[in-house]
C-alpha atoms as a PDB file:
ATOM      1  CA  UNK A   1       0.000   0.000   0.000  1.00  0.00           C
ATOM      2  CA  UNK A   2       1.241   3.541  -0.709  1.00  0.00           C
ATOM      3  CA  UNK A   3       2.207   5.910   2.046  1.00  0.00           C
ATOM      4  CA  UNK A   4      -0.630   8.275   3.060  1.00  0.00           C
ATOM      5  CA  UNK A   5       0.823  11.172   1.051  1.00  0.00           C
ATOM      6  CA  UNK A   6       1.894   9.269  -2.060  1.00  0.00           C
ATOM      7  CA  UNK A   7       0.265  10.240  -5.328  1.00  0.00           C
ATOM      8  CA  UNK A   8       1.477   9.034  -8.706  1.00  0.00           C
ATOM      9  CA  UNK A   9       0.939  10.372 -12.214  1.00  0.00           C
ATOM     10  CA  UNK A  10       2.142   7.869 -14.837  1.00  0.00           C
ATOM     11  CA  UNK A  11       3.046  10.102 -17.803  1.00  0.00           C
ATOM     12  CA  UNK A  12       3.281   7.279 -20.374  1.00  0.00           C
ATOM     13  CA  UNK A  13       1.265   4.053 -20.200  1.00  0.00           C
ATOM     14  CA  UNK A  14      -0.817   2.210 -22.812  1.00  0.00           C
ATOM     15  CA  UNK A  15      -3.918   1.253 -20.854  1.00  0.00           C
ATOM     16  CA  UNK A  16      -5.870   0.080 -23.902  1.00  0.00           C
ATOM     17  CA  UNK A  17      -3.598  -2.969 -23.638  1.00  0.00           C
ATOM     18  CA  UNK A  18      -4.255  -3.526 -19.924  1.00  0.00           C
ATOM     19  CA  UNK A  19      -7.045  -5.022 -17.838  1.00  0.00           C
ATOM     20  CA  UNK A  20      -9.357  -3.606 -15.184  1.00  0.00           C
ATOM     21  CA  UNK A  21      -7.288  -5.532 -12.610  1.00  0.00           C
ATOM     22  CA  UNK A  22      -4.371  -3.334 -13.622  1.00  0.00           C
ATOM     23  CA  UNK A  23      -6.435  -0.203 -13.009  1.00  0.00           C
ATOM     24  CA  UNK A  24      -7.392  -1.492  -9.548  1.00  0.00           C
ATOM     25  CA  UNK A  25      -3.787  -2.368  -8.666  1.00  0.00           C
ATOM     26  CA  UNK A  26      -2.539   0.992  -9.924  1.00  0.00           C
ATOM     27  CA  UNK A  27      -5.058   2.862  -7.790  1.00  0.00           C
ATOM     28  CA  UNK A  28      -4.029   0.842  -4.726  1.00  0.00           C
ATOM     29  CA  UNK A  29      -0.385   1.751  -5.455  1.00  0.00           C
ATOM     30  CA  UNK A  30      -1.185   5.476  -5.509  1.00  0.00           C
ATOM     31  CA  UNK A  31      -1.788   6.173  -9.208  1.00  0.00           C
ATOM     32  CA  UNK A  32      -4.384   8.928  -9.591  1.00  0.00           C
ATOM     33  CA  UNK A  33      -3.662  10.224 -13.106  1.00  0.00           C
ATOM     34  CA  UNK A  34      -2.032   9.024 -16.308  1.00  0.00           C
ATOM     35  CA  UNK A  35      -1.307   9.891 -19.921  1.00  0.00           C
ATOM     36  CA  UNK A  36      -1.816   7.298 -22.651  1.00  0.00           C
ATOM     37  CA  UNK A  37       0.174   8.023 -25.812  1.00  0.00           C
ATOM     38  CA  UNK A  38      -1.081   6.591 -29.083  1.00  0.00           C
ATOM     39  CA  UNK A  39       1.216   3.856 -30.405  1.00  0.00           C
ATOM     40  CA  UNK A  40       1.262   0.921 -32.788  1.00  0.00           C
ATOM     41  CA  UNK A  41      -0.760  -2.266 -32.419  1.00  0.00           C
ATOM     42  CA  UNK A  42       2.090  -4.768 -32.662  1.00  0.00           C
ATOM     43  CA  UNK A  43       1.146  -5.488 -36.263  1.00  0.00           C
ATOM     44  CA  UNK A  44       0.635  -3.094 -39.179  1.00  0.00           C
ATOM     45  CA  UNK A  45      -2.531  -1.073 -39.489  1.00  0.00           C
ATOM     46  CA  UNK A  46      -3.821  -1.346 -43.033  1.00  0.00           C
ATOM     47  CA  UNK A  47      -6.029   1.748 -43.151  1.00  0.00           C
ATOM     48  CA  UNK A  48      -6.045   5.273 -41.698  1.00  0.00           C
ATOM     49  CA  UNK A  49      -9.585   4.594 -40.467  1.00  0.00           C
ATOM     50  CA  UNK A  50      -8.205   2.175 -37.881  1.00  0.00           C
ATOM     51  CA  UNK A  51      -6.285   5.099 -36.356  1.00  0.00           C
ATOM     52  CA  UNK A  52      -9.425   7.182 -36.057  1.00  0.00           C
ATOM     53  CA  UNK A  53     -11.331   4.454 -34.227  1.00  0.00           C
ATOM     54  CA  UNK A  54      -8.324   4.068 -31.935  1.00  0.00           C
ATOM     55  CA  UNK A  55      -8.119   7.819 -31.290  1.00  0.00           C
ATOM     56  CA  UNK A  56     -11.848   7.881 -30.504  1.00  0.00           C
ATOM     57  CA  UNK A  57     -11.291   5.097 -27.973  1.00  0.00           C
ATOM     58  CA  UNK A  58      -8.517   7.045 -26.255  1.00  0.00           C
ATOM     59  CA  UNK A  59     -10.844  10.021 -25.988  1.00  0.00           C
ATOM     60  CA  UNK A  60     -13.986   8.138 -24.947  1.00  0.00           C
ATOM     61  CA  UNK A  61     -14.059   4.589 -23.654  1.00  0.00           C
ATOM     62  CA  UNK A  62     -10.646   4.553 -21.982  1.00  0.00           C
ATOM     63  CA  UNK A  63     -11.187   7.709 -19.855  1.00  0.00           C
ATOM     64  CA  UNK A  64     -14.523   6.204 -18.812  1.00  0.00           C
ATOM     65  CA  UNK A  65     -12.856   2.918 -17.863  1.00  0.00           C
ATOM     66  CA  UNK A  66     -10.130   4.714 -15.880  1.00  0.00           C
ATOM     67  CA  UNK A  67     -12.662   6.858 -14.023  1.00  0.00           C
ATOM     68  CA  UNK A  68     -14.344   3.692 -12.746  1.00  0.00           C
ATOM     69  CA  UNK A  69     -11.170   3.245 -10.670  1.00  0.00           C
ATOM     70  CA  UNK A  70     -10.669   6.885  -9.644  1.00  0.00           C
ATOM     71  CA  UNK A  71      -7.891   7.555 -12.178  1.00  0.00           C
ATOM     72  CA  UNK A  72      -7.850  10.621 -14.454  1.00  0.00           C
ATOM     73  CA  UNK A  73      -7.024   9.560 -18.017  1.00  0.00           C
ATOM     74  CA  UNK A  74      -5.485  11.838 -20.661  1.00  0.00           C
ATOM     75  CA  UNK A  75      -3.932  11.013 -24.015  1.00  0.00           C
ATOM     76  CA  UNK A  76      -1.450  12.161 -26.637  1.00  0.00           C
ATOM     77  CA  UNK A  77      -2.207  11.596 -30.318  1.00  0.00           C
ATOM     78  CA  UNK A  78       0.077  11.227 -33.337  1.00  0.00           C
ATOM     79  CA  UNK A  79       1.200   9.105 -36.246  1.00  0.00           C
ATOM     80  CA  UNK A  80       3.804   7.021 -34.438  1.00  0.00           C
ATOM     81  CA  UNK A  81       7.361   6.692 -35.803  1.00  0.00           C
ATOM     82  CA  UNK A  82       7.106   3.026 -36.769  1.00  0.00           C
ATOM     83  CA  UNK A  83       4.004   3.533 -38.896  1.00  0.00           C
ATOM     84  CA  UNK A  84       5.263   6.774 -40.409  1.00  0.00           C
ATOM     85  CA  UNK A  85       7.154   4.503 -42.818  1.00  0.00           C
ATOM     86  CA  UNK A  86       3.943   2.977 -44.211  1.00  0.00           C
ATOM     87  CA  UNK A  87       2.431   5.073 -47.059  1.00  0.00           C
ATOM     88  CA  UNK A  88      -1.017   3.680 -46.211  1.00  0.00           C
ATOM     89  CA  UNK A  89      -0.903   5.521 -42.877  1.00  0.00           C
ATOM     90  CA  UNK A  90       0.237   8.966 -44.024  1.00  0.00           C
ATOM     91  CA  UNK A  91      -3.294  10.429 -44.443  1.00  0.00           C
ATOM     92  CA  UNK A  92      -3.433  10.386 -40.626  1.00  0.00           C
ATOM     93  CA  UNK A  93      -1.258  13.505 -40.662  1.00  0.00           C
ATOM     94  CA  UNK A  94      -4.007  15.404 -42.478  1.00  0.00           C
ATOM     95  CA  UNK A  95      -6.667  14.329 -39.955  1.00  0.00           C
ATOM     96  CA  UNK A  96      -4.681  14.971 -36.775  1.00  0.00           C
ATOM     97  CA  UNK A  97      -5.572  18.682 -36.450  1.00  0.00           C
ATOM     98  CA  UNK A  98      -9.244  17.958 -35.729  1.00  0.00           C
ATOM     99  CA  UNK A  99      -8.259  15.492 -33.009  1.00  0.00           C
ATOM    100  CA  UNK A 100      -5.718  17.810 -31.418  1.00  0.00           C
ATOM    101  CA  UNK A 101      -8.551  20.208 -30.592  1.00  0.00           C
ATOM    102  CA  UNK A 102     -10.127  17.689 -28.178  1.00  0.00           C
ATOM    103  CA  UNK A 103     -10.063  18.417 -24.445  1.00  0.00           C
ATOM    104  CA  UNK A 104      -8.543  15.075 -23.466  1.00  0.00           C
ATOM    105  CA  UNK A 105      -5.455  15.563 -25.651  1.00  0.00           C
ATOM    106  CA  UNK A 106      -2.556  16.988 -23.617  1.00  0.00           C
ATOM    107  CA  UNK A 107       0.301  16.595 -26.138  1.00  0.00           C
ATOM    108  CA  UNK A 108       1.284  15.457 -29.606  1.00  0.00           C
ATOM    109  CA  UNK A 109       2.873  12.041 -29.380  1.00  0.00           C
ATOM    110  CA  UNK A 110       4.476   9.627 -29.547  1.00  0.00           C
ATOM    111  CA  UNK A 111       6.531  11.183 -32.322  1.00  0.00           C
ATOM    112  CA  UNK A 112      10.205  10.787 -33.096  1.00  0.00           C
ATOM    113  CA  UNK A 113      12.328   8.016 -34.545  1.00  0.00           C
ATOM    114  CA  UNK A 114      12.227   4.246 -34.845  1.00  0.00           C
ATOM    115  CA  UNK A 115      14.631   3.406 -37.709  1.00  0.00           C
ATOM    116  CA  UNK A 116      15.662   6.997 -38.553  1.00  0.00           C
ATOM    117  CA  UNK A 117      14.355   6.975 -42.119  1.00  0.00           C
ATOM    118  CA  UNK A 118      13.545   9.955 -44.378  1.00  0.00           C
ATOM    119  CA  UNK A 119       9.831   9.193 -43.911  1.00  0.00           C
ATOM    120  CA  UNK A 120      10.301   9.485 -40.136  1.00  0.00           C
ATOM    121  CA  UNK A 121      12.114  12.816 -40.657  1.00  0.00           C
ATOM    122  CA  UNK A 122       9.093  14.157 -42.532  1.00  0.00           C
ATOM    123  CA  UNK A 123       6.524  12.909 -40.015  1.00  0.00           C
ATOM    124  CA  UNK A 124       8.481  14.239 -37.043  1.00  0.00           C
ATOM    125  CA  UNK A 125       8.932  17.715 -38.537  1.00  0.00           C
ATOM    126  CA  UNK A 126       5.256  17.903 -39.560  1.00  0.00           C
ATOM    127  CA  UNK A 127       3.989  16.896 -36.135  1.00  0.00           C
ATOM    128  CA  UNK A 128       6.293  19.265 -34.288  1.00  0.00           C
ATOM    129  CA  UNK A 129       4.702  22.022 -36.344  1.00  0.00           C
ATOM    130  CA  UNK A 130       1.266  20.748 -35.311  1.00  0.00           C
ATOM    131  CA  UNK A 131       2.378  20.984 -31.684  1.00  0.00           C
ATOM    132  CA  UNK A 132       3.436  24.598 -32.250  1.00  0.00           C
ATOM    133  CA  UNK A 133       0.198  25.468 -34.037  1.00  0.00           C
ATOM    134  CA  UNK A 134      -1.985  23.947 -31.329  1.00  0.00           C
ATOM    135  CA  UNK A 135       0.248  25.186 -28.475  1.00  0.00           C
ATOM    136  CA  UNK A 136       0.663  21.648 -27.164  1.00  0.00           C
ATOM    137  CA  UNK A 137       3.655  19.875 -25.666  1.00  0.00           C
ATOM    138  CA  UNK A 138       5.334  17.078 -27.625  1.00  0.00           C
ATOM    139  CA  UNK A 139       6.131  13.573 -26.387  1.00  0.00           C
ATOM    140  CA  UNK A 140       9.186  12.499 -28.399  1.00  0.00           C
ATOM    141  CA  UNK A 141      10.167   8.846 -28.694  1.00  0.00           C
ATOM    142  CA  UNK A 142      13.929   8.382 -28.900  1.00  0.00           C
ATOM    143  CA  UNK A 143      14.896   5.216 -30.811  1.00  0.00           C
ATOM    144  CA  UNK A 144      15.633   1.950 -29.061  1.00  0.00           C
ATOM    145  CA  UNK A 145      18.597   1.240 -31.373  1.00  0.00           C
ATOM    146  CA  UNK A 146      21.647   3.460 -31.938  1.00  0.00           C
ATOM    147  CA  UNK A 147      20.325   5.729 -29.207  1.00  0.00           C
ATOM    148  CA  UNK A 148      23.107   8.336 -29.165  1.00  0.00           C
ATOM    149  CA  UNK A 149      22.873   9.001 -32.917  1.00  0.00           C
ATOM    150  CA  UNK A 150      19.092   8.959 -32.724  1.00  0.00           C
ATOM    151  CA  UNK A 151      19.047  11.555 -29.965  1.00  0.00           C
ATOM    152  CA  UNK A 152      21.482  13.807 -31.856  1.00  0.00           C
ATOM    153  CA  UNK A 153      19.284  13.659 -34.941  1.00  0.00           C
ATOM    154  CA  UNK A 154      16.183  14.313 -32.847  1.00  0.00           C
ATOM    155  CA  UNK A 155      17.733  17.387 -31.252  1.00  0.00           C
ATOM    156  CA  UNK A 156      18.649  18.783 -34.681  1.00  0.00           C
ATOM    157  CA  UNK A 157      15.035  18.493 -35.862  1.00  0.00           C
ATOM    158  CA  UNK A 158      13.756  20.009 -32.608  1.00  0.00           C
ATOM    159  CA  UNK A 159      16.001  23.039 -33.014  1.00  0.00           C
ATOM    160  CA  UNK A 160      14.771  23.527 -36.589  1.00  0.00           C
ATOM    161  CA  UNK A 161      11.136  23.255 -35.472  1.00  0.00           C
ATOM    162  CA  UNK A 162      11.214  26.252 -33.149  1.00  0.00           C
ATOM    163  CA  UNK A 163       9.188  24.400 -30.499  1.00  0.00           C
ATOM    164  CA  UNK A 164      10.515  25.553 -27.102  1.00  0.00           C
ATOM    165  CA  UNK A 165      12.500  22.845 -25.260  1.00  0.00           C
ATOM    166  CA  UNK A 166      10.234  23.322 -22.240  1.00  0.00           C
ATOM    167  CA  UNK A 167       7.409  21.938 -24.407  1.00  0.00           C
ATOM    168  CA  UNK A 168       9.294  18.720 -25.243  1.00  0.00           C
ATOM    169  CA  UNK A 169       9.884  15.531 -23.280  1.00  0.00           C
ATOM    170  CA  UNK A 170      12.527  13.198 -24.688  1.00  0.00           C
ATOM    171  CA  UNK A 171      11.382   9.734 -23.686  1.00  0.00           C
ATOM    172  CA  UNK A 172      13.088   6.331 -23.380  1.00  0.00           C
ATOM    173  CA  UNK A 173      16.345   7.893 -22.196  1.00  0.00           C
ATOM    174  CA  UNK A 174      19.111   5.967 -20.431  1.00  0.00           C
ATOM    175  CA  UNK A 175      22.605   6.556 -19.073  1.00  0.00           C
ATOM    176  CA  UNK A 176      24.058   7.088 -22.568  1.00  0.00           C
ATOM    177  CA  UNK A 177      21.602   9.794 -23.606  1.00  0.00           C
ATOM    178  CA  UNK A 178      20.584  11.621 -20.432  1.00  0.00           C
ATOM    179  CA  UNK A 179      23.515  14.072 -20.526  1.00  0.00           C
ATOM    180  CA  UNK A 180      22.894  15.560 -23.989  1.00  0.00           C
ATOM    181  CA  UNK A 181      19.142  15.462 -23.373  1.00  0.00           C
ATOM    182  CA  UNK A 182      19.539  17.436 -20.145  1.00  0.00           C
ATOM    183  CA  UNK A 183      21.808  19.970 -21.875  1.00  0.00           C
ATOM    184  CA  UNK A 184      19.097  20.559 -24.504  1.00  0.00           C
ATOM    185  CA  UNK A 185      16.703  22.054 -21.948  1.00  0.00           C
ATOM    186  CA  UNK A 186      14.022  19.474 -22.754  1.00  0.00           C
ATOM    187  CA  UNK A 187      12.248  17.350 -20.158  1.00  0.00           C
ATOM    188  CA  UNK A 188      13.776  13.939 -19.475  1.00  0.00           C
ATOM    189  CA  UNK A 189      11.618  10.817 -19.783  1.00  0.00           C
ATOM    190  CA  UNK A 190      12.541   7.347 -18.518  1.00  0.00           C
ATOM    191  CA  UNK A 191      10.605   4.125 -19.138  1.00  0.00           C
ATOM    192  CA  UNK A 192      10.995   1.514 -16.404  1.00  0.00           C
ATOM    193  CA  UNK A 193      10.686  -2.112 -17.544  1.00  0.00           C
ATOM    194  CA  UNK A 194      11.047  -5.554 -15.927  1.00  0.00           C
ATOM    195  CA  UNK A 195      13.810  -6.806 -18.234  1.00  0.00           C
ATOM    196  CA  UNK A 196      14.971  -4.089 -20.620  1.00  0.00           C
ATOM    197  CA  UNK A 197      15.598  -0.330 -20.733  1.00  0.00           C
ATOM    198  CA  UNK A 198      15.715   1.219 -17.243  1.00  0.00           C
ATOM    199  CA  UNK A 199      15.016  -0.452 -13.905  1.00  0.00           C
ATOM    200  CA  UNK A 200      14.262   1.259 -10.559  1.00  0.00           C
ATOM    201  CA  UNK A 201      17.826   1.044  -9.235  1.00  0.00           C
ATOM    202  CA  UNK A 202      19.327   2.480 -12.427  1.00  0.00           C
ATOM    203  CA  UNK A 203      16.731   5.241 -12.275  1.00  0.00           C
ATOM    204  CA  UNK A 204      17.763   6.095  -8.736  1.00  0.00           C
ATOM    205  CA  UNK A 205      21.405   6.335  -9.779  1.00  0.00           C
ATOM    206  CA  UNK A 206      20.483   8.773 -12.552  1.00  0.00           C
ATOM    207  CA  UNK A 207      18.452  10.866 -10.113  1.00  0.00           C
ATOM    208  CA  UNK A 208      21.450  11.041  -7.782  1.00  0.00           C
ATOM    209  CA  UNK A 209      23.570  12.519 -10.578  1.00  0.00           C
ATOM    210  CA  UNK A 210      21.067  14.684 -12.466  1.00  0.00           C
ATOM    211  CA  UNK A 211      18.595  15.590  -9.733  1.00  0.00           C
ATOM    212  CA  UNK A 212      14.816  15.588  -9.820  1.00  0.00           C
ATOM    213  CA  UNK A 213      14.143  18.654 -12.002  1.00  0.00           C
ATOM    214  CA  UNK A 214      12.486  18.084 -15.395  1.00  0.00           C
ATOM    215  CA  UNK A 215      12.398  14.294 -14.886  1.00  0.00           C
ATOM    216  CA  UNK A 216       9.388  12.157 -15.848  1.00  0.00           C
ATOM    217  CA  UNK A 217       9.329   8.480 -14.839  1.00  0.00           C
ATOM    218  CA  UNK A 218       6.867   6.169 -16.564  1.00  0.00           C
ATOM    219  CA  UNK A 219       6.007   2.485 -16.869  1.00  0.00           C
ATOM    220  CA  UNK A 220       5.218   2.578 -20.618  1.00  0.00           C
ATOM    221  CA  UNK A 221       3.249  -0.599 -19.895  1.00  0.00           C
ATOM    222  CA  UNK A 222       1.606  -2.088 -22.969  1.00  0.00           C
ATOM    223  CA  UNK A 223       0.755  -5.474 -24.538  1.00  0.00           C
ATOM    224  CA  UNK A 224       4.361  -6.650 -24.166  1.00  0.00           C
ATOM    225  CA  UNK A 225       6.350  -7.703 -21.117  1.00  0.00           C
ATOM    226  CA  UNK A 226       5.856  -4.704 -18.862  1.00  0.00           C
ATOM    227  CA  UNK A 227       4.544  -3.713 -15.444  1.00  0.00           C
ATOM    228  CA  UNK A 228       2.019  -0.906 -14.735  1.00  0.00           C
ATOM    229  CA  UNK A 229       3.317  -0.648 -11.148  1.00  0.00           C
ATOM    230  CA  UNK A 230       6.883   0.309 -12.069  1.00  0.00           C
ATOM    231  CA  UNK A 231       6.286   3.942 -11.106  1.00  0.00           C
ATOM    232  CA  UNK A 232       5.435   2.812  -7.570  1.00  0.00           C
ATOM    233  CA  UNK A 233       8.551   0.625  -7.551  1.00  0.00           C
ATOM    234  CA  UNK A 234      10.659   3.672  -8.410  1.00  0.00           C
ATOM    235  CA  UNK A 235       9.047   5.540  -5.514  1.00  0.00           C
ATOM    236  CA  UNK A 236      10.024   2.720  -3.151  1.00  0.00           C
ATOM    237  CA  UNK A 237      13.558   2.592  -4.545  1.00  0.00           C
ATOM    238  CA  UNK A 238      13.965   6.357  -4.126  1.00  0.00           C
ATOM    239  CA  UNK A 239      12.928   6.219  -0.481  1.00  0.00           C
ATOM    240  CA  UNK A 240      15.171   3.219   0.170  1.00  0.00           C
ATOM    241  CA  UNK A 241      18.076   5.178  -1.329  1.00  0.00           C
ATOM    242  CA  UNK A 242      17.527   8.136   1.001  1.00  0.00           C
ATOM    243  CA  UNK A 243      15.397  10.469  -1.100  1.00  0.00           C
ATOM    244  CA  UNK A 244      12.669  12.369   0.739  1.00  0.00           C
ATOM    245  CA  UNK A 245       8.933  11.948   0.235  1.00  0.00           C
ATOM    246  CA  UNK A 246       8.949  15.423  -1.318  1.00  0.00           C
ATOM    247  CA  UNK A 247      11.465  14.234  -3.932  1.00  0.00           C
ATOM    248  CA  UNK A 248       9.177  11.311  -4.771  1.00  0.00           C
ATOM    249  CA  UNK A 249       6.197  13.633  -5.062  1.00  0.00           C
ATOM    250  CA  UNK A 250       8.119  15.940  -7.372  1.00  0.00           C
ATOM    251  CA  UNK A 251       9.230  13.193  -9.746  1.00  0.00           C
ATOM    252  CA  UNK A 252       6.054  11.130  -9.737  1.00  0.00           C
ATOM    253  CA  UNK A 253       3.409  13.850  -9.472  1.00  0.00           C
ATOM    254  CA  UNK A 254       4.433  17.504  -9.681  1.00  0.00           C
ATOM    255  CA  UNK A 255       6.745  17.087 -12.679  1.00  0.00           C
ATOM    256  CA  UNK A 256       4.195  15.397 -14.976  1.00  0.00           C
ATOM    257  CA  UNK A 257       1.545  17.861 -13.818  1.00  0.00           C
ATOM    258  CA  UNK A 258       3.874  20.739 -14.709  1.00  0.00           C
ATOM    259  CA  UNK A 259       4.805  19.325 -18.115  1.00  0.00           C
ATOM    260  CA  UNK A 260       1.365  18.275 -19.342  1.00  0.00           C
ATOM    261  CA  UNK A 261      -0.261  21.201 -17.560  1.00  0.00           C
ATOM    262  CA  UNK A 262       1.201  23.381 -20.311  1.00  0.00           C
ATOM    263  CA  UNK A 263      -1.632  22.076 -22.494  1.00  0.00           C
ATOM    264  CA  UNK A 264      -4.197  23.787 -20.252  1.00  0.00           C
ATOM    265  CA  UNK A 265      -6.250  20.588 -20.389  1.00  0.00           C
ATOM    266  CA  UNK A 266      -5.338  18.556 -17.304  1.00  0.00           C
ATOM    267  CA  UNK A 267      -8.192  17.424 -15.074  1.00  0.00           C
ATOM    268  CA  UNK A 268      -6.859  15.576 -12.082  1.00  0.00           C
ATOM    269  CA  UNK A 269     -10.068  14.416 -10.406  1.00  0.00           C
ATOM    270  CA  UNK A 270     -11.928  11.527 -12.000  1.00  0.00           C
ATOM    271  CA  UNK A 271     -14.536   9.257 -10.478  1.00  0.00           C
ATOM    272  CA  UNK A 272     -17.497   7.464 -11.993  1.00  0.00           C
ATOM    273  CA  UNK A 273     -19.994   5.090 -10.338  1.00  0.00           C
ATOM    274  CA  UNK A 274     -20.043   1.498 -11.573  1.00  0.00           C
ATOM    275  CA  UNK A 275     -23.667   2.008 -12.587  1.00  0.00           C
ATOM    276  CA  UNK A 276     -22.687   4.731 -15.072  1.00  0.00           C
ATOM    277  CA  UNK A 277     -22.729   3.733 -18.748  1.00  0.00           C
ATOM    278  CA  UNK A 278     -20.677   4.828 -21.724  1.00  0.00           C
ATOM    279  CA  UNK A 279     -22.734   4.712 -24.905  1.00  0.00           C
ATOM    280  CA  UNK A 280     -24.875   2.047 -23.278  1.00  0.00           C
ATOM    281  CA  UNK A 281     -21.957  -0.064 -22.037  1.00  0.00           C
ATOM    282  CA  UNK A 282     -20.368  -0.669 -18.632  1.00  0.00           C
ATOM    283  CA  UNK A 283     -17.286  -2.526 -17.451  1.00  0.00           C
ATOM    284  CA  UNK A 284     -19.487  -4.898 -15.410  1.00  0.00           C
ATOM    285  CA  UNK A 285     -20.235  -8.428 -16.556  1.00  0.00           C
ATOM    286  CA  UNK A 286     -23.296 -10.410 -15.513  1.00  0.00           C
ATOM    287  CA  UNK A 287     -26.172  -9.403 -13.235  1.00  0.00           C
ATOM    288  CA  UNK A 288     -28.942  -6.980 -14.081  1.00  0.00           C
END
């Protein structure tokens, strides 16, 4: 159980892939708000229309489902880097502006690089301009391979875009990329996983060196091997390492509130009775 003052905002988690048991466990661990970035399905989408149904779900059903467990749900929308390479998906860029007007959208994302192709260059630059136009922050995915080169290329495009660094979080950072990312003035995002990327102890070591300013810690939990409670595990590891409760609150609550609050669209209280319906549906099964 969390300490009485613990509150957690997971700034990057893919709850469409998770179960209601995960929502219940997250609430018990202290999670009270989250951001769900749009991402790929694990297999190729074959039509832009599948994106629009997905976006509608992130703006409708998923916030309803989260509210059943007392968790405020927000989302970021974008054509993700992996699918930016598929010509069938490119019309999504033309439709994004109407979605970015929605109240539940607190950033453009995930955008950035996967394989660092020319198509990804084009999609990243276009979506950074959408972020500027709509005065929204940007959630930028740094590549999982060749991370140092990928970050350098990302920073070049960011400088050309004119989007202020304070409006950008560079996600999926690690020990090899945190230095240049911090020097850029952007926010620093770290995904904590069971087996790969960062783990709680590595995260604590980075916090010791770089401090708690402009740091966002997320679980990035999705349909793969991941854990929606990793933010709580980082909180425990920070306290065990001698950090104060205030440090934990800054990293796991105040920082994501400050970053996504730049959208002007955060709503941090969310509750809904189990009897409430969404378009005639509930999360209950059986009974009357």
